[in-house]
């Protein structure tokens, strides 16, 4: 990939983030009321209209929408996400505390989903045992139909309350990751397995596989040395997209399990109409999504020799 192509991809990623920021800012600004009114207008606080106006001024809520947009955008460009209206702490500080836990959960869920998808794909493309093949080919559509929040509740009821295998109260950090990781990985396993199964079947039908088999290579060698290696390349793109979506999915999963992370932070921000926090979460989630897909986009020609030859041609 040439330098101009890399710069063009990076420019496209920056443009996507700018559009995401703009749309999120407009939609959040269109919500009725604001965090200052929700937080300080209660009669129990005994604040006068003048005091509330001063608070609005300190948060910049009294400025025009255009001025707020450019002021907020300028802050985001230098890493200043503003201050939470609910807590008064810097949003960047809250993100620094919440993001590592969410990323840890997303990474573990992704690797577990990749392992499950590989196992399901191998068993679903076995020609010797048709009944096993049919069962595992039916698993991905079944996994797709399972909502993560419903799956999390079911796992808590069965694994924790009925079987008592994994506690949900007073857990260690490792125990607290088991059920959320399983919950988040299952819906991601389905599209990975579907793409990988289709890719394996397509590669198996290629002429070079018949040529390798004609040279006397064993079936296991052909499968793991030739078929899987070539079938994994198309799966790389969908894997990048799904990993970007995992951050958003982790928000729901963390809310179900009461984990400290972006999930709990999002729930509190939505409940209190804390616009600076909500805007930062949307942009951070979009940034992770764009960054992962940009990396996959740049790595794809490195991993696929056909693309390298096409670019040289």
C-alpha atoms as a PDB file:
ATOM      1  CA  UNK A   1       0.000   0.000   0.000  1.00  0.00           C
ATOM      2  CA  UNK A   2       1.432   3.356  -1.038  1.00  0.00           C
ATOM      3  CA  UNK A   3       1.835   6.368   1.219  1.00  0.00           C
ATOM      4  CA  UNK A   4      -0.939   8.240  -0.594  1.00  0.00           C
ATOM      5  CA  UNK A   5      -3.328   5.335  -0.065  1.00  0.00           C
ATOM      6  CA  UNK A   6      -2.473   5.203   3.638  1.00  0.00           C
ATOM      7  CA  UNK A   7      -2.999   8.939   4.011  1.00  0.00           C
ATOM      8  CA  UNK A   8      -6.312   8.689   2.163  1.00  0.00           C
ATOM      9  CA  UNK A   9      -7.524   5.940   4.517  1.00  0.00           C
ATOM     10  CA  UNK A  10      -6.461   7.977   7.544  1.00  0.00           C
ATOM     11  CA  UNK A  11      -8.253  11.016   6.140  1.00  0.00           C
ATOM     12  CA  UNK A  12     -11.411   8.964   5.663  1.00  0.00           C
ATOM     13  CA  UNK A  13     -11.191   7.767   9.270  1.00  0.00           C
ATOM     14  CA  UNK A  14     -10.835  11.345  10.541  1.00  0.00           C
ATOM     15  CA  UNK A  15     -13.816  12.408   8.426  1.00  0.00           C
ATOM     16  CA  UNK A  16     -15.949   9.604   9.884  1.00  0.00           C
ATOM     17  CA  UNK A  17     -15.062  10.720  13.402  1.00  0.00           C
ATOM     18  CA  UNK A  18     -15.925  14.345  12.567  1.00  0.00           C
ATOM     19  CA  UNK A  19     -19.308  13.333  11.140  1.00  0.00           C
ATOM     20  CA  UNK A  20     -19.963  11.123  14.173  1.00  0.00           C
ATOM     21  CA  UNK A  21     -19.121  13.970  16.550  1.00  0.00           C
ATOM     22  CA  UNK A  22     -21.350  16.406  14.639  1.00  0.00           C
ATOM     23  CA  UNK A  23     -24.365  14.102  14.488  1.00  0.00           C
ATOM     24  CA  UNK A  24     -24.013  13.109  18.145  1.00  0.00           C
ATOM     25  CA  UNK A  25     -23.721  16.761  19.190  1.00  0.00           C
ATOM     26  CA  UNK A  26     -26.818  17.758  17.197  1.00  0.00           C
ATOM     27  CA  UNK A  27     -28.948  14.874  18.484  1.00  0.00           C
ATOM     28  CA  UNK A  28     -27.907  15.352  22.103  1.00  0.00           C
ATOM     29  CA  UNK A  29     -28.511  19.100  21.867  1.00  0.00           C
ATOM     30  CA  UNK A  30     -31.996  18.435  20.507  1.00  0.00           C
ATOM     31  CA  UNK A  31     -33.014  16.540  23.645  1.00  0.00           C
ATOM     32  CA  UNK A  32     -35.511  18.426  25.834  1.00  0.00           C
ATOM     33  CA  UNK A  33     -33.923  20.152  28.798  1.00  0.00           C
ATOM     34  CA  UNK A  34     -30.271  19.831  29.748  1.00  0.00           C
ATOM     35  CA  UNK A  35     -28.100  18.448  32.510  1.00  0.00           C
ATOM     36  CA  UNK A  36     -27.831  21.792  34.318  1.00  0.00           C
ATOM     37  CA  UNK A  37     -31.616  22.087  34.606  1.00  0.00           C
ATOM     38  CA  UNK A  38     -31.953  18.457  35.652  1.00  0.00           C
ATOM     39  CA  UNK A  39     -29.213  18.774  38.260  1.00  0.00           C
ATOM     40  CA  UNK A  40     -29.727  22.225  39.766  1.00  0.00           C
ATOM     41  CA  UNK A  41     -33.353  23.252  39.163  1.00  0.00           C
ATOM     42  CA  UNK A  42     -34.742  21.149  42.006  1.00  0.00           C
ATOM     43  CA  UNK A  43     -36.473  23.289  44.667  1.00  0.00           C
ATOM     44  CA  UNK A  44     -34.761  21.186  47.337  1.00  0.00           C
ATOM     45  CA  UNK A  45     -31.429  22.790  46.463  1.00  0.00           C
ATOM     46  CA  UNK A  46     -32.787  26.292  47.080  1.00  0.00           C
ATOM     47  CA  UNK A  47     -30.805  27.906  44.256  1.00  0.00           C
ATOM     48  CA  UNK A  48     -31.983  31.213  42.857  1.00  0.00           C
ATOM     49  CA  UNK A  49     -32.404  31.804  39.109  1.00  0.00           C
ATOM     50  CA  UNK A  50     -29.305  33.997  39.194  1.00  0.00           C
ATOM     51  CA  UNK A  51     -27.231  31.211  40.719  1.00  0.00           C
ATOM     52  CA  UNK A  52     -28.505  28.711  38.168  1.00  0.00           C
ATOM     53  CA  UNK A  53     -27.613  31.190  35.411  1.00  0.00           C
ATOM     54  CA  UNK A  54     -24.078  31.434  36.787  1.00  0.00           C
ATOM     55  CA  UNK A  55     -23.786  27.654  36.773  1.00  0.00           C
ATOM     56  CA  UNK A  56     -25.001  27.534  33.174  1.00  0.00           C
ATOM     57  CA  UNK A  57     -22.404  30.157  32.269  1.00  0.00           C
ATOM     58  CA  UNK A  58     -19.610  28.173  33.951  1.00  0.00           C
ATOM     59  CA  UNK A  59     -20.494  25.129  31.815  1.00  0.00           C
ATOM     60  CA  UNK A  60     -20.920  27.224  28.647  1.00  0.00           C
ATOM     61  CA  UNK A  61     -24.581  26.209  28.417  1.00  0.00           C
ATOM     62  CA  UNK A  62     -25.636  29.837  27.902  1.00  0.00           C
ATOM     63  CA  UNK A  63     -23.763  30.148  24.602  1.00  0.00           C
ATOM     64  CA  UNK A  64     -25.297  29.686  21.178  1.00  0.00           C
ATOM     65  CA  UNK A  65     -25.397  26.182  19.714  1.00  0.00           C
ATOM     66  CA  UNK A  66     -22.767  27.050  17.090  1.00  0.00           C
ATOM     67  CA  UNK A  67     -20.420  28.463  19.721  1.00  0.00           C
ATOM     68  CA  UNK A  68     -20.893  25.380  21.892  1.00  0.00           C
ATOM     69  CA  UNK A  69     -20.189  23.134  18.902  1.00  0.00           C
ATOM     70  CA  UNK A  70     -16.858  24.707  17.997  1.00  0.00           C
ATOM     71  CA  UNK A  71     -15.850  25.090  21.627  1.00  0.00           C
ATOM     72  CA  UNK A  72     -16.573  21.417  22.307  1.00  0.00           C
ATOM     73  CA  UNK A  73     -14.883  20.313  19.077  1.00  0.00           C
ATOM     74  CA  UNK A  74     -11.772  22.301  19.949  1.00  0.00           C
ATOM     75  CA  UNK A  75     -11.680  20.663  23.371  1.00  0.00           C
ATOM     76  CA  UNK A  76     -12.038  17.170  21.878  1.00  0.00           C
ATOM     77  CA  UNK A  77      -9.144  17.821  19.491  1.00  0.00           C
ATOM     78  CA  UNK A  78      -6.797  18.454  22.441  1.00  0.00           C
ATOM     79  CA  UNK A  79      -8.237  15.719  24.664  1.00  0.00           C
ATOM     80  CA  UNK A  80     -10.395  18.014  26.806  1.00  0.00           C
ATOM     81  CA  UNK A  81     -13.873  16.448  26.956  1.00  0.00           C
ATOM     82  CA  UNK A  82     -15.245  18.970  29.426  1.00  0.00           C
ATOM     83  CA  UNK A  83     -16.680  18.334  32.869  1.00  0.00           C
ATOM     84  CA  UNK A  84     -19.529  16.137  34.023  1.00  0.00           C
ATOM     85  CA  UNK A  85     -22.488  18.250  35.101  1.00  0.00           C
ATOM     86  CA  UNK A  86     -23.591  15.542  37.518  1.00  0.00           C
ATOM     87  CA  UNK A  87     -20.317  14.987  39.366  1.00  0.00           C
ATOM     88  CA  UNK A  88     -18.245  18.019  38.421  1.00  0.00           C
ATOM     89  CA  UNK A  89     -15.210  15.857  37.585  1.00  0.00           C
ATOM     90  CA  UNK A  90     -13.378  15.929  34.270  1.00  0.00           C
ATOM     91  CA  UNK A  91     -14.905  13.588  31.698  1.00  0.00           C
ATOM     92  CA  UNK A  92     -11.393  12.551  30.643  1.00  0.00           C
ATOM     93  CA  UNK A  93     -10.738  11.356  34.193  1.00  0.00           C
ATOM     94  CA  UNK A  94     -13.946   9.315  34.226  1.00  0.00           C
ATOM     95  CA  UNK A  95     -13.067   7.778  30.855  1.00  0.00           C
ATOM     96  CA  UNK A  96      -9.566   6.908  32.040  1.00  0.00           C
ATOM     97  CA  UNK A  97     -11.094   5.010  34.960  1.00  0.00           C
ATOM     98  CA  UNK A  98     -13.888   3.290  32.998  1.00  0.00           C
ATOM     99  CA  UNK A  99     -12.331   2.514  29.614  1.00  0.00           C
ATOM    100  CA  UNK A 100      -9.678  -0.068  30.685  1.00  0.00           C
ATOM    101  CA  UNK A 101     -12.309  -2.361  32.219  1.00  0.00           C
ATOM    102  CA  UNK A 102     -14.511  -2.155  29.129  1.00  0.00           C
ATOM    103  CA  UNK A 103     -11.608  -2.769  26.737  1.00  0.00           C
ATOM    104  CA  UNK A 104     -10.472  -5.758  28.822  1.00  0.00           C
ATOM    105  CA  UNK A 105     -13.947  -7.266  28.597  1.00  0.00           C
ATOM    106  CA  UNK A 106     -14.156  -6.569  24.849  1.00  0.00           C
ATOM    107  CA  UNK A 107     -10.732  -8.105  24.118  1.00  0.00           C
ATOM    108  CA  UNK A 108     -11.438 -11.256  26.162  1.00  0.00           C
ATOM    109  CA  UNK A 109     -14.865 -11.652  24.539  1.00  0.00           C
ATOM    110  CA  UNK A 110     -13.350 -11.236  21.085  1.00  0.00           C
ATOM    111  CA  UNK A 111     -10.716 -13.914  21.628  1.00  0.00           C
ATOM    112  CA  UNK A 112     -13.269 -16.306  23.096  1.00  0.00           C
ATOM    113  CA  UNK A 113     -15.591 -15.652  20.152  1.00  0.00           C
ATOM    114  CA  UNK A 114     -12.706 -16.267  17.717  1.00  0.00           C
ATOM    115  CA  UNK A 115     -11.905 -19.615  19.364  1.00  0.00           C
ATOM    116  CA  UNK A 116     -15.536 -20.704  19.342  1.00  0.00           C
ATOM    117  CA  UNK A 117     -15.995 -19.579  15.742  1.00  0.00           C
ATOM    118  CA  UNK A 118     -12.932 -21.554  14.646  1.00  0.00           C
ATOM    119  CA  UNK A 119     -14.094 -24.722  16.426  1.00  0.00           C
ATOM    120  CA  UNK A 120     -17.640 -24.410  15.058  1.00  0.00           C
ATOM    121  CA  UNK A 121     -16.354 -23.768  11.523  1.00  0.00           C
ATOM    122  CA  UNK A 122     -14.041 -26.774  11.562  1.00  0.00           C
ATOM    123  CA  UNK A 123     -16.770 -29.107  12.816  1.00  0.00           C
ATOM    124  CA  UNK A 124     -19.367 -27.580  10.467  1.00  0.00           C
ATOM    125  CA  UNK A 125     -17.237 -28.327   7.401  1.00  0.00           C
ATOM    126  CA  UNK A 126     -16.353 -31.930   8.230  1.00  0.00           C
ATOM    127  CA  UNK A 127     -17.438 -34.223   5.396  1.00  0.00           C
ATOM    128  CA  UNK A 128     -17.059 -37.499   7.284  1.00  0.00           C
ATOM    129  CA  UNK A 129     -19.771 -36.925   9.899  1.00  0.00           C
ATOM    130  CA  UNK A 130     -22.823 -35.378   8.290  1.00  0.00           C
ATOM    131  CA  UNK A 131     -24.877 -35.243  11.498  1.00  0.00           C
ATOM    132  CA  UNK A 132     -22.148 -33.305  13.324  1.00  0.00           C
ATOM    133  CA  UNK A 133     -21.819 -31.004  10.336  1.00  0.00           C
ATOM    134  CA  UNK A 134     -25.552 -30.239  10.343  1.00  0.00           C
ATOM    135  CA  UNK A 135     -25.635 -29.485  14.076  1.00  0.00           C
ATOM    136  CA  UNK A 136     -22.751 -27.031  13.999  1.00  0.00           C
ATOM    137  CA  UNK A 137     -23.990 -25.342  10.831  1.00  0.00           C
ATOM    138  CA  UNK A 138     -27.199 -24.550  12.723  1.00  0.00           C
ATOM    139  CA  UNK A 139     -25.385 -22.978  15.695  1.00  0.00           C
ATOM    140  CA  UNK A 140     -24.477 -19.578  14.146  1.00  0.00           C
ATOM    141  CA  UNK A 141     -28.088 -18.680  13.196  1.00  0.00           C
ATOM    142  CA  UNK A 142     -29.157 -19.722  16.688  1.00  0.00           C
ATOM    143  CA  UNK A 143     -26.483 -17.567  18.333  1.00  0.00           C
ATOM    144  CA  UNK A 144     -27.535 -14.562  16.233  1.00  0.00           C
ATOM    145  CA  UNK A 145     -31.034 -14.743  17.683  1.00  0.00           C
ATOM    146  CA  UNK A 146     -29.813 -14.432  21.294  1.00  0.00           C
ATOM    147  CA  UNK A 147     -29.922 -10.846  22.650  1.00  0.00           C
ATOM    148  CA  UNK A 148     -26.930 -10.170  24.877  1.00  0.00           C
ATOM    149  CA  UNK A 149     -28.962  -8.673  27.732  1.00  0.00           C
ATOM    150  CA  UNK A 150     -31.332 -11.674  27.772  1.00  0.00           C
ATOM    151  CA  UNK A 151     -28.412 -14.100  27.596  1.00  0.00           C
ATOM    152  CA  UNK A 152     -26.718 -12.351  30.508  1.00  0.00           C
ATOM    153  CA  UNK A 153     -29.823 -12.622  32.675  1.00  0.00           C
ATOM    154  CA  UNK A 154     -30.203 -16.322  31.826  1.00  0.00           C
ATOM    155  CA  UNK A 155     -26.552 -17.028  32.683  1.00  0.00           C
ATOM    156  CA  UNK A 156     -26.922 -15.252  36.017  1.00  0.00           C
ATOM    157  CA  UNK A 157     -30.051 -17.247  36.852  1.00  0.00           C
ATOM    158  CA  UNK A 158     -28.629 -20.648  35.862  1.00  0.00           C
ATOM    159  CA  UNK A 159     -24.860 -20.492  36.408  1.00  0.00           C
ATOM    160  CA  UNK A 160     -24.855 -18.261  39.485  1.00  0.00           C
ATOM    161  CA  UNK A 161     -28.141 -18.714  41.322  1.00  0.00           C
ATOM    162  CA  UNK A 162     -29.075 -22.319  40.489  1.00  0.00           C
ATOM    163  CA  UNK A 163     -25.708 -24.029  40.001  1.00  0.00           C
ATOM    164  CA  UNK A 164     -23.610 -21.684  42.137  1.00  0.00           C
ATOM    165  CA  UNK A 165     -20.568 -22.072  39.884  1.00  0.00           C
ATOM    166  CA  UNK A 166     -19.744 -18.371  39.499  1.00  0.00           C
ATOM    167  CA  UNK A 167     -20.830 -15.798  42.101  1.00  0.00           C
ATOM    168  CA  UNK A 168     -22.197 -12.439  41.006  1.00  0.00           C
ATOM    169  CA  UNK A 169     -21.768 -10.729  44.386  1.00  0.00           C
ATOM    170  CA  UNK A 170     -18.412 -10.307  46.090  1.00  0.00           C
ATOM    171  CA  UNK A 171     -16.495 -11.688  43.129  1.00  0.00           C
ATOM    172  CA  UNK A 172     -12.791 -11.424  42.442  1.00  0.00           C
ATOM    173  CA  UNK A 173     -11.749  -9.480  39.321  1.00  0.00           C
ATOM    174  CA  UNK A 174     -11.249 -12.747  37.426  1.00  0.00           C
ATOM    175  CA  UNK A 175     -14.612 -14.202  38.515  1.00  0.00           C
ATOM    176  CA  UNK A 176     -16.341 -10.963  37.575  1.00  0.00           C
ATOM    177  CA  UNK A 177     -15.176 -11.353  33.976  1.00  0.00           C
ATOM    178  CA  UNK A 178     -16.361 -14.931  33.359  1.00  0.00           C
ATOM    179  CA  UNK A 179     -20.078 -14.471  32.742  1.00  0.00           C
ATOM    180  CA  UNK A 180     -19.836 -11.057  31.024  1.00  0.00           C
ATOM    181  CA  UNK A 181     -17.173 -12.436  28.670  1.00  0.00           C
ATOM    182  CA  UNK A 182     -19.323 -15.432  27.739  1.00  0.00           C
ATOM    183  CA  UNK A 183     -22.388 -13.217  27.325  1.00  0.00           C
ATOM    184  CA  UNK A 184     -20.610 -10.779  25.039  1.00  0.00           C
ATOM    185  CA  UNK A 185     -18.787 -13.419  22.994  1.00  0.00           C
ATOM    186  CA  UNK A 186     -21.746 -15.581  21.924  1.00  0.00           C
ATOM    187  CA  UNK A 187     -23.503 -13.050  19.636  1.00  0.00           C
ATOM    188  CA  UNK A 188     -20.119 -12.183  18.086  1.00  0.00           C
ATOM    189  CA  UNK A 189     -19.330 -15.852  17.464  1.00  0.00           C
ATOM    190  CA  UNK A 190     -22.236 -16.211  15.045  1.00  0.00           C
ATOM    191  CA  UNK A 191     -21.180 -13.844  12.219  1.00  0.00           C
ATOM    192  CA  UNK A 192     -17.535 -14.888  12.577  1.00  0.00           C
ATOM    193  CA  UNK A 193     -18.474 -18.553  12.203  1.00  0.00           C
ATOM    194  CA  UNK A 194     -20.867 -17.868   9.320  1.00  0.00           C
ATOM    195  CA  UNK A 195     -18.228 -16.012   7.307  1.00  0.00           C
ATOM    196  CA  UNK A 196     -15.532 -18.568   8.133  1.00  0.00           C
ATOM    197  CA  UNK A 197     -17.733 -21.541   7.186  1.00  0.00           C
ATOM    198  CA  UNK A 198     -18.568 -19.932   3.848  1.00  0.00           C
ATOM    199  CA  UNK A 199     -14.907 -19.093   3.243  1.00  0.00           C
ATOM    200  CA  UNK A 200     -13.790 -22.648   4.044  1.00  0.00           C
ATOM    201  CA  UNK A 201     -16.327 -24.101   1.616  1.00  0.00           C
ATOM    202  CA  UNK A 202     -15.200 -21.689  -1.115  1.00  0.00           C
ATOM    203  CA  UNK A 203     -11.514 -22.456  -0.596  1.00  0.00           C
ATOM    204  CA  UNK A 204     -12.161 -26.219  -0.581  1.00  0.00           C
ATOM    205  CA  UNK A 205     -13.664 -25.861  -4.066  1.00  0.00           C
ATOM    206  CA  UNK A 206     -10.606 -24.060  -5.473  1.00  0.00           C
ATOM    207  CA  UNK A 207      -8.475 -25.928  -8.075  1.00  0.00           C
ATOM    208  CA  UNK A 208      -5.237 -25.550  -6.106  1.00  0.00           C
ATOM    209  CA  UNK A 209      -6.727 -27.666  -3.289  1.00  0.00           C
ATOM    210  CA  UNK A 210      -7.280 -30.514  -5.735  1.00  0.00           C
ATOM    211  CA  UNK A 211      -3.704 -30.057  -6.971  1.00  0.00           C
ATOM    212  CA  UNK A 212      -2.304 -30.257  -3.433  1.00  0.00           C
ATOM    213  CA  UNK A 213      -4.401 -33.356  -2.761  1.00  0.00           C
ATOM    214  CA  UNK A 214      -3.146 -34.946  -5.990  1.00  0.00           C
ATOM    215  CA  UNK A 215       0.430 -34.565  -4.754  1.00  0.00           C
ATOM    216  CA  UNK A 216      -0.398 -36.940  -1.898  1.00  0.00           C
ATOM    217  CA  UNK A 217      -0.865 -34.479   0.952  1.00  0.00           C
ATOM    218  CA  UNK A 218      -3.000 -35.692   3.852  1.00  0.00           C
ATOM    219  CA  UNK A 219      -6.423 -34.217   4.504  1.00  0.00           C
ATOM    220  CA  UNK A 220      -5.443 -32.737   7.871  1.00  0.00           C
ATOM    221  CA  UNK A 221      -2.378 -31.090   6.318  1.00  0.00           C
ATOM    222  CA  UNK A 222      -4.469 -29.682   3.475  1.00  0.00           C
ATOM    223  CA  UNK A 223      -7.114 -28.376   5.846  1.00  0.00           C
ATOM    224  CA  UNK A 224      -4.856 -26.592   8.326  1.00  0.00           C
ATOM    225  CA  UNK A 225      -2.008 -25.654   5.960  1.00  0.00           C
ATOM    226  CA  UNK A 226      -3.972 -24.554   2.888  1.00  0.00           C
ATOM    227  CA  UNK A 227      -7.698 -24.219   3.521  1.00  0.00           C
ATOM    228  CA  UNK A 228      -7.756 -22.500   6.917  1.00  0.00           C
ATOM    229  CA  UNK A 229      -4.924 -20.101   6.075  1.00  0.00           C
ATOM    230  CA  UNK A 230      -6.724 -18.857   2.970  1.00  0.00           C
ATOM    231  CA  UNK A 231     -10.188 -18.895   4.549  1.00  0.00           C
ATOM    232  CA  UNK A 232      -9.105 -16.686   7.451  1.00  0.00           C
ATOM    233  CA  UNK A 233      -8.356 -13.700   5.223  1.00  0.00           C
ATOM    234  CA  UNK A 234     -11.989 -12.802   4.352  1.00  0.00           C
ATOM    235  CA  UNK A 235     -12.866 -13.292   8.021  1.00  0.00           C
ATOM    236  CA  UNK A 236     -10.367 -10.604   8.998  1.00  0.00           C
ATOM    237  CA  UNK A 237     -12.583  -7.798   7.711  1.00  0.00           C
ATOM    238  CA  UNK A 238     -15.700  -8.891   9.576  1.00  0.00           C
ATOM    239  CA  UNK A 239     -13.549  -9.501  12.671  1.00  0.00           C
ATOM    240  CA  UNK A 240     -12.423  -5.881  12.647  1.00  0.00           C
ATOM    241  CA  UNK A 241     -15.985  -4.629  12.294  1.00  0.00           C
ATOM    242  CA  UNK A 242     -17.215  -6.882  15.092  1.00  0.00           C
ATOM    243  CA  UNK A 243     -14.439  -5.878  17.465  1.00  0.00           C
ATOM    244  CA  UNK A 244     -15.379  -2.255  16.965  1.00  0.00           C
ATOM    245  CA  UNK A 245     -18.972  -3.116  17.791  1.00  0.00           C
ATOM    246  CA  UNK A 246     -17.882  -4.998  20.916  1.00  0.00           C
ATOM    247  CA  UNK A 247     -17.247  -1.735  22.770  1.00  0.00           C
ATOM    248  CA  UNK A 248     -20.874  -0.725  22.246  1.00  0.00           C
ATOM    249  CA  UNK A 249     -22.070  -4.214  23.134  1.00  0.00           C
ATOM    250  CA  UNK A 250     -19.961  -4.164  26.289  1.00  0.00           C
ATOM    251  CA  UNK A 251     -21.945  -1.153  27.499  1.00  0.00           C
ATOM    252  CA  UNK A 252     -25.159  -3.218  27.599  1.00  0.00           C
ATOM    253  CA  UNK A 253     -23.423  -6.263  29.087  1.00  0.00           C
ATOM    254  CA  UNK A 254     -21.776  -4.222  31.826  1.00  0.00           C
ATOM    255  CA  UNK A 255     -25.126  -2.685  32.734  1.00  0.00           C
ATOM    256  CA  UNK A 256     -26.651  -6.169  33.101  1.00  0.00           C
ATOM    257  CA  UNK A 257     -23.849  -7.419  35.356  1.00  0.00           C
ATOM    258  CA  UNK A 258     -23.345  -4.143  37.232  1.00  0.00           C
ATOM    259  CA  UNK A 259     -19.699  -3.884  36.187  1.00  0.00           C
ATOM    260  CA  UNK A 260     -17.822  -0.622  36.543  1.00  0.00           C
ATOM    261  CA  UNK A 261     -16.994   0.620  33.078  1.00  0.00           C
ATOM    262  CA  UNK A 262     -18.457   2.504  30.169  1.00  0.00           C
ATOM    263  CA  UNK A 263     -21.777   0.695  30.730  1.00  0.00           C
ATOM    264  CA  UNK A 264     -22.352   2.094  34.192  1.00  0.00           C
ATOM    265  CA  UNK A 265     -21.003   5.453  33.063  1.00  0.00           C
ATOM    266  CA  UNK A 266     -23.456   5.521  30.143  1.00  0.00           C
ATOM    267  CA  UNK A 267     -26.453   4.572  32.267  1.00  0.00           C
ATOM    268  CA  UNK A 268     -25.696   7.340  34.763  1.00  0.00           C
ATOM    269  CA  UNK A 269     -25.114   9.893  32.001  1.00  0.00           C
ATOM    270  CA  UNK A 270     -28.389   9.067  30.241  1.00  0.00           C
ATOM    271  CA  UNK A 271     -30.355   9.119  33.502  1.00  0.00           C
ATOM    272  CA  UNK A 272     -28.977  12.553  34.375  1.00  0.00           C
ATOM    273  CA  UNK A 273     -28.879  13.939  30.813  1.00  0.00           C
ATOM    274  CA  UNK A 274     -25.159  14.571  31.253  1.00  0.00           C
ATOM    275  CA  UNK A 275     -24.371  15.692  27.695  1.00  0.00           C
ATOM    276  CA  UNK A 276     -20.568  16.046  28.015  1.00  0.00           C
ATOM    277  CA  UNK A 277     -20.286  12.457  29.251  1.00  0.00           C
ATOM    278  CA  UNK A 278     -22.695  11.047  26.653  1.00  0.00           C
ATOM    279  CA  UNK A 279     -20.952  12.858  23.808  1.00  0.00           C
ATOM    280  CA  UNK A 280     -17.529  11.649  24.944  1.00  0.00           C
ATOM    281  CA  UNK A 281     -18.732   8.039  25.170  1.00  0.00           C
ATOM    282  CA  UNK A 282     -20.215   8.151  21.666  1.00  0.00           C
ATOM    283  CA  UNK A 283     -17.047   9.618  20.171  1.00  0.00           C
ATOM    284  CA  UNK A 284     -14.732   7.227  22.047  1.00  0.00           C
ATOM    285  CA  UNK A 285     -16.777   4.206  20.926  1.00  0.00           C
ATOM    286  CA  UNK A 286     -16.697   5.492  17.333  1.00  0.00           C
ATOM    287  CA  UNK A 287     -12.936   6.141  17.597  1.00  0.00           C
ATOM    288  CA  UNK A 288     -12.270   2.565  18.720  1.00  0.00           C
ATOM    289  CA  UNK A 289     -14.459   1.248  15.893  1.00  0.00           C
ATOM    290  CA  UNK A 290     -12.726   3.413  13.263  1.00  0.00           C
ATOM    291  CA  UNK A 291      -9.224   2.690  14.581  1.00  0.00           C
ATOM    292  CA  UNK A 292      -9.661  -1.090  14.568  1.00  0.00           C
ATOM    293  CA  UNK A 293     -11.093  -1.069  11.054  1.00  0.00           C
ATOM    294  CA  UNK A 294      -8.333   1.244   9.854  1.00  0.00           C
ATOM    295  CA  UNK A 295      -5.713  -1.167  11.212  1.00  0.00           C
ATOM    296  CA  UNK A 296      -7.441  -4.117   9.530  1.00  0.00           C
ATOM    297  CA  UNK A 297      -7.690  -2.158   6.294  1.00  0.00           C
ATOM    298  CA  UNK A 298      -3.979  -1.391   6.353  1.00  0.00           C
ATOM    299  CA  UNK A 299      -2.979  -4.944   7.316  1.00  0.00           C
ATOM    300  CA  UNK A 300      -5.087  -6.699   4.699  1.00  0.00           C
ATOM    301  CA  UNK A 301      -2.649  -6.146   1.778  1.00  0.00           C
ATOM    302  CA  UNK A 302       0.194  -7.311   4.035  1.00  0.00           C
ATOM    303  CA  UNK A 303      -1.577 -10.608   4.754  1.00  0.00           C
ATOM    304  CA  UNK A 304      -3.040 -11.196   1.281  1.00  0.00           C
ATOM    305  CA  UNK A 305      -0.388 -11.772  -1.376  1.00  0.00           C
ATOM    306  CA  UNK A 306      -2.963 -11.346  -4.143  1.00  0.00           C
ATOM    307  CA  UNK A 307      -3.585  -7.731  -3.131  1.00  0.00           C
ATOM    308  CA  UNK A 308       0.151  -7.030  -3.031  1.00  0.00           C
ATOM    309  CA  UNK A 309       0.583  -8.374  -6.551  1.00  0.00           C
ATOM    310  CA  UNK A 310      -2.416  -6.360  -7.749  1.00  0.00           C
ATOM    311  CA  UNK A 311      -1.020  -3.147  -6.243  1.00  0.00           C
ATOM    312  CA  UNK A 312       2.400  -3.743  -7.814  1.00  0.00           C
ATOM    313  CA  UNK A 313       0.711  -4.389 -11.178  1.00  0.00           C
END
